Amino acid sequence: MARRCDICGKGPLVGNNVSHANNKTKTRSLPNLRSVRASVEGTVRHVRVCTRCLKAGRVAKAPHHGARTAARA
């Protein structure tokens, strides 16, 4: 499974750690992904979404399995 956001496509970034002696070693920065139950095209699916998309409201989260109705009483 790829480390990619299903909404925006954000993936790992590659760069260098540079020491004081100017030695360079490769490093990877991974996106902050969360697995979320979301409504996708009318169906409920688990999708891997970055937290930036969650915060921006680009994901329509599905209601919880045991969600109770307010009219019950």
C-alpha atoms as a PDB file:
ATOM      1  CA  MET A   1       0.000   0.000   0.000  1.00  0.00           C
ATOM      2  CA  ALA A   2       1.490   3.318  -1.073  1.00  0.00           C
ATOM      3  CA  ARG A   3       2.056   6.092   1.450  1.00  0.00           C
ATOM      4  CA  ARG A   4      -0.127   8.540  -0.464  1.00  0.00           C
ATOM      5  CA  CYS A   5      -3.156  10.628   0.404  1.00  0.00           C
ATOM      6  CA  ASP A   6      -6.210   9.368  -1.513  1.00  0.00           C
ATOM      7  CA  ILE A   7      -7.579  12.927  -1.820  1.00  0.00           C
ATOM      8  CA  CYS A   8      -4.675  15.230  -2.744  1.00  0.00           C
ATOM      9  CA  GLY A   9      -1.997  12.685  -3.693  1.00  0.00           C
ATOM     10  CA  LYS A  10       0.568  13.953  -1.190  1.00  0.00           C
ATOM     11  CA  GLY A  11       3.444  11.467  -0.833  1.00  0.00           C
ATOM     12  CA  PRO A  12       6.901  11.115   0.738  1.00  0.00           C
ATOM     13  CA  LEU A  13       9.492  13.872   0.314  1.00  0.00           C
ATOM     14  CA  VAL A  14      13.179  13.079  -0.167  1.00  0.00           C
ATOM     15  CA  GLY A  15      16.020  15.296   1.004  1.00  0.00           C
ATOM     16  CA  ASN A  16      19.385  15.369   2.720  1.00  0.00           C
ATOM     17  CA  ASN A  17      20.528  15.657   6.319  1.00  0.00           C
ATOM     18  CA  VAL A  18      23.566  17.918   6.165  1.00  0.00           C
ATOM     19  CA  SER A  19      26.042  17.696   9.041  1.00  0.00           C
ATOM     20  CA  HIS A  20      28.405  20.408  10.252  1.00  0.00           C
ATOM     21  CA  ALA A  21      31.159  18.642   8.284  1.00  0.00           C
ATOM     22  CA  ASN A  22      28.901  18.911   5.181  1.00  0.00           C
ATOM     23  CA  ASN A  23      28.320  15.138   5.028  1.00  0.00           C
ATOM     24  CA  LYS A  24      25.041  14.395   3.288  1.00  0.00           C
ATOM     25  CA  THR A  25      22.798  11.434   4.117  1.00  0.00           C
ATOM     26  CA  LYS A  26      19.429  10.763   2.516  1.00  0.00           C
ATOM     27  CA  THR A  27      16.269  11.247   4.568  1.00  0.00           C
ATOM     28  CA  ARG A  28      12.553  10.754   3.912  1.00  0.00           C
ATOM     29  CA  SER A  29       9.660  12.789   5.306  1.00  0.00           C
ATOM     30  CA  LEU A  30       6.423  10.820   5.279  1.00  0.00           C
ATOM     31  CA  PRO A  31       2.988  12.496   5.124  1.00  0.00           C
ATOM     32  CA  ASN A  32       0.784  12.371   8.229  1.00  0.00           C
ATOM     33  CA  LEU A  33      -1.836   9.880   6.999  1.00  0.00           C
ATOM     34  CA  ARG A  34      -4.924   8.678   8.857  1.00  0.00           C
ATOM     35  CA  SER A  35      -7.306   5.875   7.933  1.00  0.00           C
ATOM     36  CA  VAL A  36     -10.847   7.292   7.878  1.00  0.00           C
ATOM     37  CA  ARG A  37     -14.300   5.935   7.087  1.00  0.00           C
ATOM     38  CA  ALA A  38     -15.588   8.308   4.436  1.00  0.00           C
ATOM     39  CA  SER A  39     -18.490   8.597   2.018  1.00  0.00           C
ATOM     40  CA  VAL A  40     -17.027   8.218  -1.468  1.00  0.00           C
ATOM     41  CA  GLU A  41     -19.494   8.447  -4.374  1.00  0.00           C
ATOM     42  CA  GLY A  42     -22.382   7.370  -2.152  1.00  0.00           C
ATOM     43  CA  THR A  43     -20.618   4.347  -0.602  1.00  0.00           C
ATOM     44  CA  VAL A  44     -18.779   4.094   2.712  1.00  0.00           C
ATOM     45  CA  ARG A  45     -15.108   3.166   2.312  1.00  0.00           C
ATOM     46  CA  HIS A  46     -11.902   3.301   4.323  1.00  0.00           C
ATOM     47  CA  VAL A  47      -9.524   5.827   2.772  1.00  0.00           C
ATOM     48  CA  ARG A  48      -6.049   7.009   3.771  1.00  0.00           C
ATOM     49  CA  VAL A  49      -6.143  10.780   4.057  1.00  0.00           C
ATOM     50  CA  CYS A  50      -3.530  13.336   5.119  1.00  0.00           C
ATOM     51  CA  THR A  51      -4.397  15.461   8.131  1.00  0.00           C
ATOM     52  CA  ARG A  52      -4.304  18.639   6.036  1.00  0.00           C
ATOM     53  CA  CYS A  53      -7.224  17.318   3.929  1.00  0.00           C
ATOM     54  CA  LEU A  54      -9.106  16.312   7.094  1.00  0.00           C
ATOM     55  CA  LYS A  55      -8.641  19.757   8.634  1.00  0.00           C
ATOM     56  CA  ALA A  56      -9.663  21.530   5.411  1.00  0.00           C
ATOM     57  CA  GLY A  57     -12.910  19.514   5.238  1.00  0.00           C
ATOM     58  CA  ARG A  58     -12.156  17.874   1.881  1.00  0.00           C
ATOM     59  CA  VAL A  59     -13.360  14.529   3.269  1.00  0.00           C
ATOM     60  CA  ALA A  60     -17.019  13.725   3.981  1.00  0.00           C
ATOM     61  CA  LYS A  61     -16.702  11.469   7.019  1.00  0.00           C
ATOM     62  CA  ALA A  62     -19.261   8.668   7.232  1.00  0.00           C
ATOM     63  CA  PRO A  63     -21.493   8.330  10.295  1.00  0.00           C
ATOM     64  CA  HIS A  64     -20.365   5.891  12.972  1.00  0.00           C
ATOM     65  CA  HIS A  65     -21.539   2.248  12.834  1.00  0.00           C
ATOM     66  CA  GLY A  66     -23.736   2.480  15.939  1.00  0.00           C
ATOM     67  CA  ALA A  67     -24.911   6.036  15.503  1.00  0.00           C
ATOM     68  CA  ARG A  68     -28.133   6.585  17.410  1.00  0.00           C
ATOM     69  CA  THR A  69     -30.899   8.860  16.225  1.00  0.00           C
ATOM     70  CA  ALA A  70     -31.936  11.850  18.314  1.00  0.00           C
ATOM     71  CA  ALA A  71     -35.657  11.092  17.760  1.00  0.00           C
ATOM     72  CA  ARG A  72     -35.440   7.955  19.882  1.00  0.00           C
ATOM     73  CA  ALA A  73     -36.942   8.273  23.372  1.00  0.00           C
END
